[in-house]
Protein backbone atom coordinates (compact mmCIF):
# COMPACT_ATOMS: atom_id res chain seq x y z
CA UNK A 1 8.97 29.70 40.26
CA UNK A 2 7.63 33.56 39.78
CA UNK A 3 8.48 36.09 37.17
CA UNK A 4 7.39 39.09 39.35
CA UNK A 5 9.35 40.91 41.89
CA UNK A 6 7.07 40.25 44.64
CA UNK A 7 5.55 36.72 44.03
CA UNK A 8 1.54 36.49 44.38
CA UNK A 9 0.76 34.56 47.38
CA UNK A 10 -1.45 32.20 45.34
CA UNK A 11 0.33 28.73 46.06
CA UNK A 12 -1.11 28.41 49.34
CA UNK A 13 -4.73 29.39 48.38
CA UNK A 14 -4.30 26.62 45.57
CA UNK A 15 -3.15 24.13 48.11
CA UNK A 16 -6.23 24.77 50.17
CA UNK A 17 -8.52 24.77 46.81
CA UNK A 18 -7.09 21.21 46.01
CA UNK A 19 -7.83 19.92 49.44
CA UNK A 20 -11.03 21.30 49.44
CA UNK A 21 -11.67 19.82 46.11
CA UNK A 22 -10.49 16.52 47.55
CA UNK A 23 -12.87 16.74 50.44
CA UNK A 24 -15.62 17.65 48.18
CA UNK A 25 -15.22 14.36 46.29
CA UNK A 26 -15.19 12.47 49.48
CA UNK A 27 -18.45 14.14 50.58
CA UNK A 28 -19.97 13.46 47.41
CA UNK A 29 -19.18 9.66 47.93
CA UNK A 30 -20.47 9.93 51.39
CA UNK A 31 -23.95 11.00 50.30
CA UNK A 32 -24.16 8.54 47.65
CA UNK A 33 -24.18 10.86 44.69
CA UNK A 34 -21.39 9.00 42.55
CA UNK A 35 -23.01 7.76 39.50
CA UNK A 36 -21.60 5.32 36.82
CA UNK A 37 -22.37 5.84 33.26
CA UNK A 38 -25.81 7.90 34.31
CA UNK A 39 -26.82 5.04 36.72
CA UNK A 40 -26.39 4.67 40.37
CA UNK A 41 -23.11 2.69 41.28
CA UNK A 42 -25.07 0.41 43.39
CA UNK A 43 -26.83 -1.02 40.56
CA UNK A 44 -23.61 -2.39 38.93
CA UNK A 45 -22.15 -5.50 39.99
CA UNK A 46 -19.12 -5.37 42.74
CA UNK A 47 -16.11 -6.68 40.99
CA UNK A 48 -13.88 -6.82 44.39
CA UNK A 49 -13.32 -10.06 45.75
CA UNK A 50 -14.27 -10.60 49.54
CA UNK A 51 -15.20 -6.92 49.69
CA UNK A 52 -16.43 -7.17 53.31
CA UNK A 53 -13.55 -9.48 54.70
CA UNK A 54 -15.96 -12.10 55.94
CA UNK A 55 -13.44 -14.53 54.44
CA UNK A 56 -10.39 -13.03 56.28
CA UNK A 57 -7.86 -11.51 54.02
CA UNK A 58 -8.64 -13.86 51.08
CA UNK A 59 -8.09 -11.93 47.84
CA UNK A 60 -6.14 -9.36 49.52
CA UNK A 61 -2.30 -8.65 50.05
CA UNK A 62 -1.24 -6.48 52.79
CA UNK A 63 2.27 -4.77 53.05
CA UNK A 64 4.65 -5.91 55.60
CA UNK A 65 2.00 -8.28 57.34
CA UNK A 66 0.07 -5.18 58.23
CA UNK A 67 -3.35 -6.23 57.81
CA UNK A 68 -5.97 -8.55 59.85
CA UNK A 69 -9.62 -8.94 60.14
CA UNK A 70 -11.46 -8.01 63.42
CA UNK A 71 -15.22 -8.61 64.31
CA UNK A 72 -15.50 -4.86 65.75
CA UNK A 73 -15.62 -2.16 64.42
CA UNK A 74 -17.46 -3.23 61.18
CA UNK A 75 -19.62 -1.11 58.86
CA UNK A 76 -21.84 -4.27 57.94
CA UNK A 77 -21.46 -8.00 57.96
CA UNK A 78 -19.29 -9.94 60.63
CA UNK A 79 -15.83 -8.25 59.86
CA UNK A 80 -13.71 -5.70 58.63
CA UNK A 81 -9.92 -5.00 57.70
CA UNK A 82 -7.72 -3.56 60.25
CA UNK A 83 -4.36 -2.52 58.94
CA UNK A 84 -1.60 -0.85 61.09
CA UNK A 85 1.25 1.34 59.76
CA UNK A 86 4.67 0.76 61.26
CA UNK A 87 7.75 2.54 60.85
CA UNK A 88 8.05 3.60 56.87
CA UNK A 89 5.27 1.12 56.06
CA UNK A 90 1.85 2.79 55.49
CA UNK A 91 -0.07 -0.42 55.48
CA UNK A 92 -1.13 -0.85 52.02
CA UNK A 93 -3.72 -3.62 51.20
CA UNK A 94 -4.60 -4.31 47.69
CA UNK A 95 -6.20 -6.65 45.13
CA UNK A 96 -5.92 -7.00 41.48
CA UNK A 97 -9.35 -7.18 39.55
CA UNK A 98 -10.12 -8.08 35.82
CA UNK A 99 -11.78 -5.12 34.12
CA UNK A 100 -12.79 -4.16 30.39
CA UNK A 101 -10.68 -1.78 28.15
CA UNK A 102 -12.22 1.71 27.66
CA UNK A 103 -14.93 1.32 30.32
CA UNK A 104 -15.99 3.58 33.41
CA UNK A 105 -15.67 2.48 37.01
CA UNK A 106 -16.63 3.72 40.42
CA UNK A 107 -14.53 2.55 43.50
CA UNK A 108 -15.96 3.20 46.89
CA UNK A 109 -15.23 1.98 50.61
CA UNK A 110 -16.03 2.76 54.07
CA UNK A 111 -13.24 3.57 56.40
CA UNK A 112 -12.42 4.65 59.77
CA UNK A 113 -9.22 6.02 61.12
CA UNK A 114 -6.61 8.83 60.45
CA UNK A 115 -5.30 9.58 56.99
CA UNK A 116 -6.91 6.61 55.42
CA UNK A 117 -6.65 6.49 51.46
CA UNK A 118 -8.56 4.61 48.76
CA UNK A 119 -7.14 4.18 45.39
CA UNK A 120 -6.81 2.45 41.96
CA UNK A 121 -3.66 2.26 40.00
CA UNK A 122 -2.80 0.55 36.54
CA UNK A 123 -5.98 2.20 35.03
CA UNK A 124 -4.14 2.83 31.88
CA UNK A 125 -5.30 6.38 32.12
CA UNK A 126 -4.99 8.52 35.37
CA UNK A 127 -4.51 6.53 38.54
CA UNK A 128 -6.96 8.02 41.12
CA UNK A 129 -7.34 8.15 44.97
CA UNK A 130 -9.51 9.83 47.61
CA UNK A 131 -8.83 10.11 51.25
CA UNK A 132 -9.91 11.62 54.60
CA UNK A 133 -7.70 13.21 57.29
CA UNK A 134 -9.96 12.16 60.19
CA UNK A 135 -12.90 9.79 60.27
CA UNK A 136 -13.64 8.59 63.77
CA UNK A 137 -16.70 6.91 62.59
CA UNK A 138 -17.46 5.13 59.41
CA UNK A 139 -17.22 7.58 56.44
CA UNK A 140 -17.42 6.67 52.83
CA UNK A 141 -14.45 7.34 50.25
CA UNK A 142 -15.35 7.21 46.48
CA UNK A 143 -13.49 7.99 43.24
CA UNK A 144 -13.94 7.18 39.65
CA UNK A 145 -11.82 6.36 36.71
CA UNK A 146 -11.90 5.13 32.95
CA UNK A 147 -9.58 2.42 31.90
CA UNK A 148 -7.21 2.77 28.77
CA UNK A 149 -7.42 1.00 25.51
CA UNK A 150 -5.30 -2.02 26.58
CA UNK A 151 -6.35 -2.12 30.19
CA UNK A 152 -7.46 -5.62 31.46
CA UNK A 153 -6.84 -5.27 35.25
CA UNK A 154 -6.42 -2.67 37.80
CA UNK A 155 -5.23 -2.76 41.35
CA UNK A 156 -7.46 -1.29 44.03
CA UNK A 157 -5.83 -0.57 47.43
CA UNK A 158 -6.44 1.05 50.77
CA UNK A 159 -3.48 2.39 52.95
CA UNK A 160 -2.91 4.68 55.89
CA UNK A 161 0.10 6.74 56.81
CA UNK A 162 3.48 6.90 58.54
CA UNK A 163 3.10 7.42 62.15
CA UNK A 164 -0.69 6.99 62.48
CA UNK A 165 -2.58 4.32 64.50
CA UNK A 166 -4.48 1.36 62.71
CA UNK A 167 -7.26 2.23 60.15
CA UNK A 168 -10.46 0.09 59.26
CA UNK A 169 -11.91 -0.64 56.13
CA UNK A 170 -15.08 -2.54 55.09
CA UNK A 171 -17.51 -2.94 52.28
CA UNK A 172 -14.92 -2.15 49.35
CA UNK A 173 -16.62 -1.86 45.82
CA UNK A 174 -15.69 -1.49 42.42
CA UNK A 175 -18.50 -1.16 40.14
CA UNK A 176 -18.52 -1.37 36.35
CA UNK A 177 -18.16 -4.03 33.84
CA UNK A 178 -16.41 -7.07 34.81
CA UNK A 179 -13.33 -8.26 32.60
CA UNK A 180 -12.44 -11.96 31.65
CA UNK A 181 -10.46 -13.45 34.53
CA UNK A 182 -8.92 -15.93 32.23
CA UNK A 183 -6.12 -17.92 33.83
CA UNK A 184 -6.01 -18.25 37.76
CA UNK A 185 -3.80 -15.71 39.62
CA UNK A 186 -0.20 -17.14 39.36
CA UNK A 187 1.72 -18.42 42.16
CA UNK A 188 4.66 -16.59 44.03
CA UNK A 189 8.00 -16.45 42.12
CA UNK A 190 10.70 -18.67 43.56
CA UNK A 191 14.47 -18.56 43.22
CA UNK A 192 14.90 -14.73 43.62
CA UNK A 193 18.55 -13.74 43.49
CA UNK A 194 20.82 -10.80 42.74
CA UNK A 195 23.35 -10.46 40.09
CA UNK A 196 25.84 -7.94 38.74
CA UNK A 197 26.11 -4.52 40.61
CA UNK A 198 27.11 -1.26 39.95
CA UNK A 199 27.18 2.02 41.99
CA UNK A 200 23.73 2.54 40.79
CA UNK A 201 21.93 -0.63 39.76
CA UNK A 202 21.50 -4.35 40.82
CA UNK A 203 20.51 -7.20 38.46
CA UNK A 204 17.67 -9.53 39.68
CA UNK A 205 16.63 -13.06 38.36
CA UNK A 206 14.23 -15.44 39.36
CA UNK A 207 12.47 -18.84 38.12
CA UNK A 208 9.61 -18.33 35.68
CA UNK A 209 6.22 -18.70 36.91
CA UNK A 210 3.55 -20.81 34.97
CA UNK A 211 0.66 -18.67 33.84
CA UNK A 212 2.38 -15.42 34.44
CA UNK A 213 2.34 -12.69 31.65
CA UNK A 214 4.45 -10.26 33.64
CA UNK A 215 6.31 -9.52 36.97
CA UNK A 216 6.42 -6.54 39.39
CA UNK A 217 9.68 -5.60 41.18
CA UNK A 218 9.45 -4.30 44.65
CA UNK A 219 12.46 -2.22 46.34
CA UNK A 220 12.35 -1.70 50.23
CA UNK A 221 8.50 -2.49 49.73
CA UNK A 222 7.56 -0.16 46.93
CA UNK A 223 6.88 -1.52 43.41
CA UNK A 224 9.70 0.13 41.19
CA UNK A 225 9.34 -1.82 37.94
CA UNK A 226 7.41 -3.99 35.76
CA UNK A 227 8.76 -6.47 33.39
CA UNK A 228 7.56 -9.21 31.09
CA UNK A 229 10.63 -11.68 31.74
CA UNK A 230 12.01 -13.50 34.75
CA UNK A 231 14.90 -10.92 35.22
CA UNK A 232 15.22 -7.03 35.71
CA UNK A 233 18.02 -4.47 36.23
CA UNK A 234 16.88 -2.07 39.10
CA UNK A 235 18.55 1.38 38.37
CA UNK A 236 18.72 4.98 40.00
CA UNK A 237 20.14 3.41 43.17
CA UNK A 238 22.53 5.23 45.67
CA UNK A 239 26.21 3.88 46.05
CA UNK A 240 27.49 1.76 48.64
CA UNK A 241 23.82 1.22 49.76
CA UNK A 242 21.89 -2.05 50.57
CA UNK A 243 18.34 -2.57 49.34
CA UNK A 244 15.84 -5.29 49.89
CA UNK A 245 13.77 -6.91 46.95
CA UNK A 246 10.96 -9.06 46.23
CA UNK A 247 9.01 -9.77 42.91
CA UNK A 248 5.21 -10.89 42.17
CA UNK A 249 3.96 -12.59 39.24
CA UNK A 250 0.91 -10.97 37.37
CA UNK A 251 -1.57 -11.99 34.53
CA UNK A 252 -5.09 -10.60 33.67
CA UNK A 253 -6.51 -12.36 36.73
CA UNK A 254 -4.44 -10.62 39.28
CA UNK A 255 -1.14 -10.33 41.21
CA UNK A 256 0.66 -13.18 43.19
CA UNK A 257 1.89 -12.79 46.71
CA UNK A 258 5.12 -11.40 46.94
CA UNK A 259 8.43 -13.77 46.88
CA UNK A 260 10.92 -14.21 49.46
CA UNK A 261 13.08 -11.05 49.93
CA UNK A 262 16.68 -10.78 49.05
CA UNK A 263 19.19 -8.15 49.75
CA UNK A 264 21.56 -6.55 47.20
CA UNK A 265 24.15 -4.08 47.78
CA UNK A 266 25.53 -1.55 45.12
CA UNK A 267 29.18 -0.86 44.62
CA UNK A 268 31.08 2.36 45.69
CA UNK A 269 31.85 3.46 42.25
CA UNK A 270 33.58 6.48 41.03
CA UNK A 271 32.32 9.92 42.10
CA UNK A 272 28.80 8.67 42.28
CA UNK A 273 27.76 11.15 39.70
CA UNK A 274 25.45 9.99 36.66
CA UNK A 275 27.93 11.11 33.86
CA UNK A 276 26.76 14.78 33.59
CA UNK A 277 25.82 15.78 37.04
CA UNK A 278 28.00 15.43 40.12
CA UNK A 279 26.93 12.99 43.19
CA UNK A 280 25.92 16.20 45.27
CA UNK A 281 24.62 18.89 42.91
CA UNK A 282 23.60 22.62 43.54
CA UNK A 283 20.64 23.47 41.06
CA UNK A 284 19.78 27.33 40.46
CA UNK A 285 17.29 28.88 38.32
CA UNK A 286 18.50 31.68 35.87
CA UNK A 287 16.01 34.14 35.14
CA UNK A 288 15.46 35.03 31.19
CA UNK A 289 13.66 38.35 32.22
CA UNK A 290 14.16 41.19 34.42
CA UNK A 291 11.80 41.46 37.55
CA UNK A 292 14.12 43.47 39.74
CA UNK A 293 16.44 41.00 40.64
CA UNK A 294 20.03 41.26 39.26
CA UNK A 295 20.27 40.85 35.63
CA UNK A 296 22.80 38.16 34.67
CA UNK A 297 24.34 36.51 31.61
CA UNK A 298 24.81 32.85 32.08
CA UNK A 299 28.55 33.41 32.36
CA UNK A 300 27.69 35.38 35.59
CA UNK A 301 26.10 32.76 37.44
CA UNK A 302 28.30 31.73 40.45
CA UNK A 303 30.40 28.72 40.06
CA UNK A 304 28.80 26.85 43.03
CA UNK A 305 25.95 25.89 40.59
CA UNK A 306 26.21 22.51 39.08
CA UNK A 307 22.60 22.68 37.29
CA UNK A 308 21.42 25.67 35.74
CA UNK A 309 17.96 25.76 34.83
CA UNK A 310 17.08 28.46 32.12
CA UNK A 311 13.47 29.82 33.14
CA UNK A 312 11.39 29.38 31.01
CA UNK A 313 10.34 28.09 27.87
CA UNK A 314 6.93 29.16 26.64
CA UNK A 315 3.72 27.27 25.30
CA UNK A 316 3.02 27.70 21.74
CA UNK A 317 -0.26 27.27 19.82
CA UNK A 318 0.48 23.55 19.26
CA UNK A 319 -0.70 21.44 22.29
CA UNK A 320 2.18 20.21 24.24
CA UNK A 321 4.79 22.09 22.22
CA UNK A 322 7.23 24.64 23.70
CA UNK A 323 9.86 27.33 22.41
CA UNK A 324 12.28 29.56 23.63
CA UNK A 325 12.87 33.24 23.14
CA UNK A 326 15.77 35.12 24.44
CA UNK A 327 14.52 38.09 26.27
CA UNK A 328 16.52 41.19 25.21
CA UNK A 329 16.25 42.65 28.88
CA UNK A 330 18.97 40.15 29.78
CA UNK A 331 21.64 42.19 27.75
CA UNK A 332 22.94 39.64 25.07
CA UNK A 333 23.77 41.13 21.83
CA UNK A 334 23.02 37.96 19.93
CA UNK A 335 21.59 34.35 20.56
CA UNK A 336 25.10 33.11 19.66
CA UNK A 337 26.47 34.67 22.68
CA UNK A 338 23.93 33.07 24.78
CA UNK A 339 24.80 29.69 23.17
CA UNK A 340 28.34 30.20 23.75
CA UNK A 341 27.89 30.96 27.47
CA UNK A 342 26.02 27.60 27.60
CA UNK A 343 29.17 25.70 26.05
CA UNK A 344 31.44 27.60 28.51
CA UNK A 345 29.35 26.41 31.54
CA UNK A 346 29.33 22.85 30.09
CA UNK A 347 33.20 22.92 29.62
CA UNK A 348 33.32 23.99 33.22
CA UNK A 349 31.57 20.72 34.13
CA UNK A 350 28.00 22.27 34.54
CA UNK A 351 24.54 21.29 33.11
CA UNK A 352 22.18 23.69 31.45
CA UNK A 353 18.63 22.61 31.29
CA UNK A 354 15.46 24.45 29.91
CA UNK A 355 12.85 24.83 32.40
CA UNK A 356 9.07 24.33 31.45
CA UNK A 357 6.50 26.09 33.42
CA UNK A 358 6.81 28.40 36.46
CA UNK A 359 4.02 30.02 38.33
CA UNK A 360 2.52 31.60 35.00
CA UNK A 361 3.56 28.89 32.52
CA UNK A 362 0.88 26.85 31.28
CA UNK A 363 1.84 23.69 29.33
CA UNK A 364 -0.90 20.94 28.90
CA UNK A 365 0.27 17.33 27.89
CA UNK A 366 -2.87 15.26 28.11
CA UNK A 367 -2.93 12.94 25.37
CA UNK A 368 -0.35 11.05 23.13
CA UNK A 369 -0.14 13.85 20.34
CA UNK A 370 0.57 16.45 22.92
CA UNK A 371 3.26 14.29 24.70
CA UNK A 372 5.04 13.54 21.13
CA UNK A 373 4.78 17.51 20.65
CA UNK A 374 6.47 18.09 24.12
CA UNK A 375 9.20 15.57 23.36
CA UNK A 376 9.88 16.82 19.89
CA UNK A 377 10.05 20.61 20.74
CA UNK A 378 12.07 20.19 23.79
CA UNK A 379 14.62 18.10 21.82
CA UNK A 380 14.78 20.67 19.05
CA UNK A 381 15.57 23.31 21.99
CA UNK A 382 18.29 21.01 22.94
CA UNK A 383 19.82 20.83 19.69
CA UNK A 384 19.55 24.33 18.79
CA UNK A 385 20.86 25.82 22.11
CA UNK A 386 22.80 22.84 23.47
CA UNK A 387 20.91 22.20 26.53
CA UNK A 388 21.58 19.09 28.56
CA UNK A 389 17.95 18.33 29.40
CA UNK A 390 14.50 19.52 30.74
CA UNK A 391 13.25 20.92 33.90
CA UNK A 392 9.52 20.40 34.88
CA UNK A 393 8.24 22.99 36.95
CA UNK A 394 4.42 22.98 35.99
CA UNK A 395 2.65 24.55 38.85
CA UNK A 396 -0.86 24.14 37.58
CA UNK A 397 -1.09 20.21 37.40
CA UNK A 398 0.04 17.43 35.14
CA UNK A 399 -1.07 14.26 33.66
CA UNK A 400 1.21 11.45 34.91
CA UNK A 401 0.37 9.00 32.31
CA UNK A 402 1.09 11.35 29.36
CA UNK A 403 4.05 13.43 30.80
CA UNK A 404 5.69 9.86 31.55
CA UNK A 405 5.31 9.13 27.73
CA UNK A 406 6.65 12.61 26.79
CA UNK A 407 9.79 12.17 29.06
CA UNK A 408 10.28 8.59 27.74
CA UNK A 409 10.03 9.86 24.44
CA UNK A 410 12.65 12.44 24.78
CA UNK A 411 15.02 10.11 26.69
CA UNK A 412 14.74 7.87 23.67
CA UNK A 413 15.66 10.86 21.31
CA UNK A 414 18.30 12.50 23.56
CA UNK A 415 20.23 9.26 24.99
CA UNK A 416 21.64 8.42 28.48
CA UNK A 417 23.25 11.71 28.86
CA UNK A 418 19.85 13.64 29.50
CA UNK A 419 19.06 15.43 32.53
CA UNK A 420 15.64 15.58 33.88
CA UNK A 421 14.90 17.74 36.88
CA UNK A 422 11.69 18.44 38.67
CA UNK A 423 10.53 21.18 40.83
CA UNK A 424 7.03 20.26 42.23
CA UNK A 425 5.25 22.11 45.00
CA UNK A 426 4.89 20.60 48.41
CA UNK A 427 1.46 19.67 47.90
CA UNK A 428 2.27 17.70 44.90
CA UNK A 429 4.74 15.32 46.77
CA UNK A 430 2.72 14.81 49.89
CA UNK A 431 1.61 11.07 48.53
CA UNK A 432 2.85 8.68 45.78
CA UNK A 433 -0.68 8.68 44.66
CA UNK A 434 -0.10 12.22 43.49
CA UNK A 435 0.37 12.90 39.68
CA UNK A 436 3.83 14.55 40.20
CA UNK A 437 5.09 11.80 42.53
CA UNK A 438 3.62 9.15 40.10
CA UNK A 439 5.47 10.71 37.35
CA UNK A 440 8.87 10.86 39.26
CA UNK A 441 8.53 7.17 40.10
CA UNK A 442 7.46 6.07 36.50
CA UNK A 443 10.84 7.58 35.07
CA UNK A 444 13.07 6.98 38.12
CA UNK A 445 15.40 5.06 35.93
CA UNK A 446 16.01 8.37 34.00
CA UNK A 447 15.22 11.03 36.43
CA UNK A 448 18.18 13.14 38.03
CA UNK A 449 16.58 15.07 40.99
CA UNK A 450 13.39 16.23 42.19
CA UNK A 451 13.95 19.58 44.02
CA UNK A 452 10.58 20.21 45.77
CA UNK A 453 9.74 23.68 46.51
CA UNK A 454 9.78 24.03 50.37
CA UNK A 455 8.10 27.56 50.15
CA UNK A 456 4.84 29.41 49.71
CA UNK A 457 3.53 26.48 51.17
CA UNK A 458 2.09 27.09 54.86
CA UNK A 459 2.03 23.87 56.72
CA UNK A 460 2.05 20.37 55.49
CA UNK A 461 2.43 16.67 56.67
CA UNK A 462 5.76 14.97 57.31
CA UNK A 463 6.33 11.35 56.84
CA UNK A 464 5.69 10.85 60.46
CA UNK A 465 2.17 12.22 60.09
CA UNK A 466 2.52 15.20 62.02
CA UNK A 467 2.09 18.69 60.57
CA UNK A 468 4.93 21.11 60.21
CA UNK A 469 5.13 24.60 59.39
CA UNK A 470 7.71 26.14 56.78
CA UNK A 471 10.40 27.98 57.79
CA UNK A 472 12.22 25.15 60.00
CA UNK A 473 14.69 22.48 59.74
CA UNK A 474 11.71 19.83 60.63
CA UNK A 475 9.67 21.15 57.42
CA UNK A 476 12.72 20.39 55.27
CA UNK A 477 13.49 16.98 56.87
CA UNK A 478 10.21 15.42 57.40
CA UNK A 479 8.79 16.31 54.04
CA UNK A 480 11.92 15.05 52.34
CA UNK A 481 11.54 11.87 54.13
CA UNK A 482 8.21 11.38 52.33
CA UNK A 483 10.09 11.36 48.94
CA UNK A 484 13.20 9.27 50.32
CA UNK A 485 10.58 6.72 51.73
CA UNK A 486 8.30 6.76 48.97
CA UNK A 487 10.50 5.36 46.37
CA UNK A 488 12.86 7.97 45.08
CA UNK A 489 16.73 7.15 45.32
CA UNK A 490 18.26 9.71 47.82
CA UNK A 491 20.31 10.84 44.78
CA UNK A 492 17.09 12.03 43.25
CA UNK A 493 15.99 14.36 46.21
CA UNK A 494 17.21 17.93 46.46
CA UNK A 495 15.89 20.66 48.94
CA UNK A 496 14.47 23.68 47.02
CA UNK A 497 14.47 27.06 48.81
CA UNK A 498 14.43 30.79 47.91
CA UNK A 499 17.76 32.51 47.65
CA UNK A 500 16.38 35.66 49.61
CA UNK A 501 13.44 37.11 51.01
CA UNK A 502 12.57 38.54 47.80
CA UNK A 503 12.64 35.40 46.02
CA UNK A 504 9.39 34.09 47.24
CA UNK A 505 6.22 35.18 48.93
CA UNK A 506 6.89 33.06 51.89
CA UNK A 507 9.25 30.20 53.17
CA UNK A 508 12.61 31.72 53.06
CA UNK A 509 15.17 30.17 55.73
CA UNK A 510 18.71 31.26 56.31
CA UNK A 511 21.32 29.11 54.58
CA UNK A 512 22.09 27.93 58.20
CA UNK A 513 18.87 26.08 58.11
CA UNK A 514 19.22 24.53 54.77
CA UNK A 515 22.71 23.33 55.68
CA UNK A 516 21.32 21.82 59.15
CA UNK A 517 18.73 20.05 56.97
CA UNK A 518 21.29 18.83 54.85
CA UNK A 519 23.34 17.42 57.64
CA UNK A 520 20.16 15.93 59.57
CA UNK A 521 19.36 13.94 56.12
CA UNK A 522 22.74 12.91 55.19
CA UNK A 523 24.58 12.31 58.54
CA UNK A 524 21.85 12.55 61.10
CA UNK A 525 23.25 15.56 62.98
CA UNK A 526 21.91 19.25 63.41
CA UNK A 527 18.20 17.80 63.27
CA UNK A 528 15.30 19.60 64.82
CA UNK A 529 12.60 17.67 66.83
CA UNK A 530 12.18 15.25 63.76
CA UNK A 531 15.08 12.75 63.10
CA UNK A 532 14.56 10.41 60.19
CA UNK A 533 14.90 6.65 61.05
CA UNK A 534 18.01 6.55 58.81
CA UNK A 535 20.49 8.62 56.98
CA UNK A 536 20.70 9.28 53.09
CA UNK A 537 24.37 10.02 52.62
CA UNK A 538 23.46 9.96 48.72
CA UNK A 539 21.13 12.88 48.85
CA UNK A 540 21.64 14.97 45.79
CA UNK A 541 21.76 18.52 47.14
CA UNK A 542 19.76 21.64 46.99
CA UNK A 543 18.36 24.10 44.34
CA UNK A 544 17.25 27.79 44.68
CA UNK A 545 15.02 30.39 43.13
CA UNK A 546 16.93 32.08 41.73
CA UNK A 547 20.60 32.65 40.78
CA UNK A 548 19.55 36.22 40.00
CA UNK A 549 18.05 36.87 43.50
CA UNK A 550 21.14 35.24 44.93
CA UNK A 551 23.40 37.53 43.11
CA UNK A 552 21.04 40.47 44.40
CA UNK A 553 21.93 39.28 47.89
CA UNK A 554 25.72 39.03 47.22
CA UNK A 555 25.48 35.21 46.35
CA UNK A 556 25.18 34.71 50.16
CA UNK A 557 22.85 31.58 49.55
CA UNK A 558 25.45 29.77 47.17
CA UNK A 559 28.46 30.91 48.98
CA UNK A 560 27.09 29.12 52.12
CA UNK A 561 24.84 26.11 50.65
CA UNK A 562 27.27 25.38 47.86
CA UNK A 563 30.28 24.18 50.02
CA UNK A 564 28.03 22.25 52.34
CA UNK A 565 26.25 20.39 49.35
CA UNK A 566 29.68 19.74 47.73
CA UNK A 567 31.13 18.46 51.08
CA UNK A 568 28.24 15.80 51.78
CA UNK A 569 29.50 12.38 52.21
């Protein structure tokens, strides 16, 4: 989100810079330049079990039965992994490995195929991954991480991508100090059953497993929750929607195979809202500055907007902390008038949140202290001004571990009515291994909506593995599909677009294109060449930058898109 009249076209350059950095990491791994603690990674023991798949898939679990072993092609030995993405499953093969806390590790693998990923999750710090868009021959991927203070196991994995052919992997290595495996890996849970259901949640329970210290809950193939007991409540679901669930048992030695699947269906509920935000909502950013767009007071914001994000709070000298200063340029005679406008909007059924970041905003949350400072300062602003919650619009990166900590701390202070929105760039939501996507999934039970910015982006991958250029229905629907099939509830997905050609450097589309994309996702109509495999009637809605640019153009965007959003099924 930009504070200048003609946004600098830097986001696309940052996109290529990030991709170039990723490729550089891959290239370093391919030339064997990755070191562990000052020594060559090859000097350390390989902690991965059956790393060359000479014993079939022993030690590995592949999603949806996607994995097998082959005798050719192989990088070394007599076998290699072949895993085939199908439908929305991207053929994830994983194994959990015992490690030591506060220790450094290097993960590498030889891969072949298109859009092949290698990663580690559950590190206790920042989960990592590396990938290659094309490896016609064997190519080495490599990445490294340091475990957290309480981390005794990590999950290493490979996966492909939607719509791509089979990929191959061989000679997977996790180099570093071995942990204590303790008890053997527990068996798969049995007796999984559904219990009570609401319009947004389903209760699950199962039989306890001997030797298990925890359980992972999977919804439609993706892990959504970890619990310590033999029951869970999965939240953030869409009303009148069926979901498939499985669970696994875990301990320090690893994760069990998945249980048999059960299906649960949410109830119709009332309006499908979450108490403060309607089932289908329009979000607009209100500018606390004058950059050539129409200067507004909050009371002037078009009534079609359900969530108004006040842009922006500013970083302070305290790490992680933010503050807000009303700009005299917007014309308020006093802060009390601004606060009164917030109350008036809330009395009309709107939510007003404080936005953190923007193109020029830099707020660093990279440890527990800064996470606490963030939560404390945002909560102080909520109490001072009456904000309903917070919007995360950090365009210079974030740390998933500590942003998650910060938002959960804020939730504990603010309670169940807290509204949390996000506005990541397209590059931030290309894969579930990205920090922004991880954060969204980590707080799924308290997250309101992710309004990804479908602009200033250039071309990006859709969920079918094809490349789409911004400015089309296909760009909106195929990229939204990644979030919808990557673990977010439809109610947590919105389409973020500029209100006019002056609102962004590139990527403006007419309200008709926005409305066609909404129809395609929610109803399966008015699609372009890409048509999702299923519809998402619970889709939350749309967002625009900004209410000021919308007003400059006679509110043409909100007058067209607002009724479409509010008329979704």
